[in-house]
Amino acid sequence: MPSARWNAENLVLFSENHGVEEHLIVTETQEFDWKVWARRHGFLSD
């Protein structure tokens, strides 16, 4: 999820799906262009 304050991405965890006491294991990574997605879904205009 893009950050509104800094040039960074944020990780969002939903506590209903993953307890805060559990460890996270990265199994895969992927680049994602949020601006392209937002334009395609009508959240940004050119």
PDB file of N, CA and C in Angstrom:
ATOM      1  N   MET A   1       0.850  -1.162   0.000  1.00  0.00           N
ATOM      2  CA  MET A   1       0.000   0.000   0.000  1.00  0.00           C
ATOM      3  C   MET A   1       0.898   1.228   0.000  1.00  0.00           C
ATOM      4  N   PRO A   2       0.654   2.199  -0.869  1.00  0.00           N
ATOM      5  CA  PRO A   2       1.507   3.390  -0.910  1.00  0.00           C
ATOM      6  C   PRO A   2       1.336   4.254   0.332  1.00  0.00           C
ATOM      7  N   SER A   3       2.399   4.935   0.702  1.00  0.00           N
ATOM      8  CA  SER A   3       2.370   5.837   1.849  1.00  0.00           C
ATOM      9  C   SER A   3       1.969   7.229   1.392  1.00  0.00           C
ATOM     10  N   ALA A   4       1.076   7.871   2.129  1.00  0.00           N
ATOM     11  CA  ALA A   4       0.664   9.242   1.809  1.00  0.00           C
ATOM     12  C   ALA A   4       1.702  10.258   2.270  1.00  0.00           C
ATOM     13  N   ARG A   5       2.550   9.888   3.211  1.00  0.00           N
ATOM     14  CA  ARG A   5       3.504  10.837   3.800  1.00  0.00           C
ATOM     15  C   ARG A   5       4.914  10.717   3.251  1.00  0.00           C
ATOM     16  N   TRP A   6       5.345   9.492   2.924  1.00  0.00           N
ATOM     17  CA  TRP A   6       6.725   9.269   2.512  1.00  0.00           C
ATOM     18  C   TRP A   6       6.766   8.484   1.210  1.00  0.00           C
ATOM     19  N   ASN A   7       7.883   8.556   0.527  1.00  0.00           N
ATOM     20  CA  ASN A   7       8.089   7.788  -0.688  1.00  0.00           C
ATOM     21  C   ASN A   7       8.439   6.357  -0.292  1.00  0.00           C
ATOM     22  N   ALA A   8       7.428   5.621   0.112  1.00  0.00           N
ATOM     23  CA  ALA A   8       7.640   4.265   0.607  1.00  0.00           C
ATOM     24  C   ALA A   8       6.367   3.455   0.431  1.00  0.00           C
ATOM     25  N   GLU A   9       6.486   2.169   0.599  1.00  0.00           N
ATOM     26  CA  GLU A   9       5.340   1.270   0.593  1.00  0.00           C
ATOM     27  C   GLU A   9       5.130   0.778   2.020  1.00  0.00           C
ATOM     28  N   ASN A  10       3.908   0.460   2.362  1.00  0.00           N
ATOM     29  CA  ASN A  10       3.580  -0.030   3.696  1.00  0.00           C
ATOM     30  C   ASN A  10       3.044  -1.451   3.609  1.00  0.00           C
ATOM     31  N   LEU A  11       3.390  -2.243   4.584  1.00  0.00           N
ATOM     32  CA  LEU A  11       2.841  -3.584   4.702  1.00  0.00           C
ATOM     33  C   LEU A  11       1.611  -3.501   5.589  1.00  0.00           C
ATOM     34  N   VAL A  12       0.513  -4.070   5.133  1.00  0.00           N
ATOM     35  CA  VAL A  12      -0.723  -4.064   5.906  1.00  0.00           C
ATOM     36  C   VAL A  12      -1.031  -5.492   6.322  1.00  0.00           C
ATOM     37  N   LEU A  13      -1.175  -5.710   7.622  1.00  0.00           N
ATOM     38  CA  LEU A  13      -1.543  -7.023   8.147  1.00  0.00           C
ATOM     39  C   LEU A  13      -2.922  -6.924   8.775  1.00  0.00           C
ATOM     40  N   PHE A  14      -3.775  -7.858   8.464  1.00  0.00           N
ATOM     41  CA  PHE A  14      -5.098  -7.908   9.068  1.00  0.00           C
ATOM     42  C   PHE A  14      -5.044  -8.897  10.223  1.00  0.00           C
ATOM     43  N   SER A  15      -5.247  -8.394  11.431  1.00  0.00           N
ATOM     44  CA  SER A  15      -5.077  -9.226  12.624  1.00  0.00           C
ATOM     45  C   SER A  15      -6.095 -10.362  12.694  1.00  0.00           C
ATOM     46  N   GLU A  16      -7.183 -10.264  11.938  1.00  0.00           N
ATOM     47  CA  GLU A  16      -8.137 -11.371  11.901  1.00  0.00           C
ATOM     48  C   GLU A  16      -7.539 -12.581  11.183  1.00  0.00           C
ATOM     49  N   ASN A  17      -6.561 -12.317  10.306  1.00  0.00           N
ATOM     50  CA  ASN A  17      -5.955 -13.387   9.508  1.00  0.00           C
ATOM     51  C   ASN A  17      -4.589 -13.822  10.017  1.00  0.00           C
ATOM     52  N   HIS A  18      -3.936 -12.971  10.787  1.00  0.00           N
ATOM     53  CA  HIS A  18      -2.572 -13.267  11.227  1.00  0.00           C
ATOM     54  C   HIS A  18      -2.352 -12.632  12.590  1.00  0.00           C
ATOM     55  N   GLY A  19      -2.077 -13.431  13.584  1.00  0.00           N
ATOM     56  CA  GLY A  19      -1.849 -12.913  14.926  1.00  0.00           C
ATOM     57  C   GLY A  19      -0.563 -12.111  15.026  1.00  0.00           C
ATOM     58  N   VAL A  20      -0.571 -11.065  15.841  1.00  0.00           N
ATOM     59  CA  VAL A  20       0.611 -10.214  15.984  1.00  0.00           C
ATOM     60  C   VAL A  20       1.771 -10.950  16.637  1.00  0.00           C
ATOM     61  N   GLU A  21       1.504 -12.044  17.335  1.00  0.00           N
ATOM     62  CA  GLU A  21       2.572 -12.808  17.976  1.00  0.00           C
ATOM     63  C   GLU A  21       3.220 -13.816  17.021  1.00  0.00           C
ATOM     64  N   GLU A  22       2.649 -14.001  15.847  1.00  0.00           N
ATOM     65  CA  GLU A  22       3.182 -14.943  14.868  1.00  0.00           C
ATOM     66  C   GLU A  22       4.306 -14.310  14.055  1.00  0.00           C
ATOM     67  N   HIS A  23       5.218 -15.143  13.566  1.00  0.00           N
ATOM     68  CA  HIS A  23       6.316 -14.679  12.724  1.00  0.00           C
ATOM     69  C   HIS A  23       5.870 -14.633  11.270  1.00  0.00           C
ATOM     70  N   LEU A  24       6.417 -13.675  10.534  1.00  0.00           N
ATOM     71  CA  LEU A  24       6.155 -13.583   9.102  1.00  0.00           C
ATOM     72  C   LEU A  24       7.305 -14.214   8.334  1.00  0.00           C
ATOM     73  N   ILE A  25       6.988 -14.939   7.301  1.00  0.00           N
ATOM     74  CA  ILE A  25       7.993 -15.544   6.438  1.00  0.00           C
ATOM     75  C   ILE A  25       7.715 -15.082   5.012  1.00  0.00           C
ATOM     76  N   VAL A  26       8.675 -14.417   4.399  1.00  0.00           N
ATOM     77  CA  VAL A  26       8.527 -13.963   3.019  1.00  0.00           C
ATOM     78  C   VAL A  26       8.720 -15.164   2.108  1.00  0.00           C
ATOM     79  N   THR A  27       7.702 -15.474   1.329  1.00  0.00           N
ATOM     80  CA  THR A  27       7.795 -16.604   0.405  1.00  0.00           C
ATOM     81  C   THR A  27       7.890 -16.156  -1.044  1.00  0.00           C
ATOM     82  N   GLU A  28       7.521 -14.893  -1.305  1.00  0.00           N
ATOM     83  CA  GLU A  28       7.541 -14.390  -2.673  1.00  0.00           C
ATOM     84  C   GLU A  28       7.479 -12.870  -2.626  1.00  0.00           C
ATOM     85  N   THR A  29       8.107 -12.219  -3.578  1.00  0.00           N
ATOM     86  CA  THR A  29       8.002 -10.766  -3.702  1.00  0.00           C
ATOM     87  C   THR A  29       7.668 -10.432  -5.145  1.00  0.00           C
ATOM     88  N   GLN A  30       7.070  -9.258  -5.320  1.00  0.00           N
ATOM     89  CA  GLN A  30       6.700  -8.830  -6.663  1.00  0.00           C
ATOM     90  C   GLN A  30       6.565  -7.318  -6.670  1.00  0.00           C
ATOM     91  N   GLU A  31       7.091  -6.677  -7.714  1.00  0.00           N
ATOM     92  CA  GLU A  31       6.908  -5.241  -7.897  1.00  0.00           C
ATOM     93  C   GLU A  31       5.470  -4.991  -8.323  1.00  0.00           C
ATOM     94  N   PHE A  32       4.910  -3.884  -7.843  1.00  0.00           N
ATOM     95  CA  PHE A  32       3.539  -3.540  -8.207  1.00  0.00           C
ATOM     96  C   PHE A  32       3.455  -2.043  -8.396  1.00  0.00           C
ATOM     97  N   ASP A  33       2.896  -1.613  -9.509  1.00  0.00           N
ATOM     98  CA  ASP A  33       2.770  -0.190  -9.804  1.00  0.00           C
ATOM     99  C   ASP A  33       1.374   0.278  -9.402  1.00  0.00           C
ATOM    100  N   TRP A  34       1.283   0.913  -8.237  1.00  0.00           N
ATOM    101  CA  TRP A  34      -0.010   1.362  -7.714  1.00  0.00           C
ATOM    102  C   TRP A  34      -0.646   2.427  -8.590  1.00  0.00           C
ATOM    103  N   LYS A  35       0.157   3.278  -9.216  1.00  0.00           N
ATOM    104  CA  LYS A  35      -0.410   4.330 -10.068  1.00  0.00           C
ATOM    105  C   LYS A  35      -1.089   3.735 -11.297  1.00  0.00           C
ATOM    106  N   VAL A  36      -0.484   2.735 -11.913  1.00  0.00           N
ATOM    107  CA  VAL A  36      -1.104   2.069 -13.060  1.00  0.00           C
ATOM    108  C   VAL A  36      -2.419   1.429 -12.629  1.00  0.00           C
ATOM    109  N   TRP A  37      -2.408   0.727 -11.508  1.00  0.00           N
ATOM    110  CA  TRP A  37      -3.623   0.091 -10.992  1.00  0.00           C
ATOM    111  C   TRP A  37      -4.707   1.134 -10.723  1.00  0.00           C
ATOM    112  N   ALA A  38      -4.328   2.248 -10.085  1.00  0.00           N
ATOM    113  CA  ALA A  38      -5.297   3.293  -9.747  1.00  0.00           C
ATOM    114  C   ALA A  38      -5.900   3.917 -11.003  1.00  0.00           C
ATOM    115  N   ARG A  39      -5.096   4.124 -12.032  1.00  0.00           N
ATOM    116  CA  ARG A  39      -5.621   4.674 -13.290  1.00  0.00           C
ATOM    117  C   ARG A  39      -6.597   3.698 -13.944  1.00  0.00           C
ATOM    118  N   ARG A  40      -6.236   2.435 -13.966  1.00  0.00           N
ATOM    119  CA  ARG A  40      -7.103   1.418 -14.581  1.00  0.00           C
ATOM    120  C   ARG A  40      -8.444   1.294 -13.862  1.00  0.00           C
ATOM    121  N   HIS A  41      -8.447   1.580 -12.580  1.00  0.00           N
ATOM    122  CA  HIS A  41      -9.669   1.430 -11.788  1.00  0.00           C
ATOM    123  C   HIS A  41     -10.365   2.760 -11.500  1.00  0.00           C
ATOM    124  N   GLY A  42      -9.933   3.825 -12.178  1.00  0.00           N
ATOM    125  CA  GLY A  42     -10.624   5.105 -12.081  1.00  0.00           C
ATOM    126  C   GLY A  42     -10.330   5.934 -10.848  1.00  0.00           C
ATOM    127  N   PHE A  43      -9.272   5.605 -10.105  1.00  0.00           N
ATOM    128  CA  PHE A  43      -8.924   6.372  -8.913  1.00  0.00           C
ATOM    129  C   PHE A  43      -8.014   7.555  -9.229  1.00  0.00           C
ATOM    130  N   LEU A  44      -7.311   7.496 -10.356  1.00  0.00           N
ATOM    131  CA  LEU A  44      -6.450   8.587 -10.819  1.00  0.00           C
ATOM    132  C   LEU A  44      -6.791   8.900 -12.265  1.00  0.00           C
ATOM    133  N   SER A  45      -6.651  10.157 -12.619  1.00  0.00           N
ATOM    134  CA  SER A  45      -6.819  10.533 -14.022  1.00  0.00           C
ATOM    135  C   SER A  45      -5.512  11.135 -14.518  1.00  0.00           C
ATOM    136  N   ASP A  46      -5.295  11.090 -15.804  1.00  0.00           N
ATOM    137  CA  ASP A  46      -4.052  11.615 -16.384  1.00  0.00           C
ATOM    138  C   ASP A  46      -4.044  13.110 -16.453  1.00  0.00           C
TER     139      ASP A  46
END
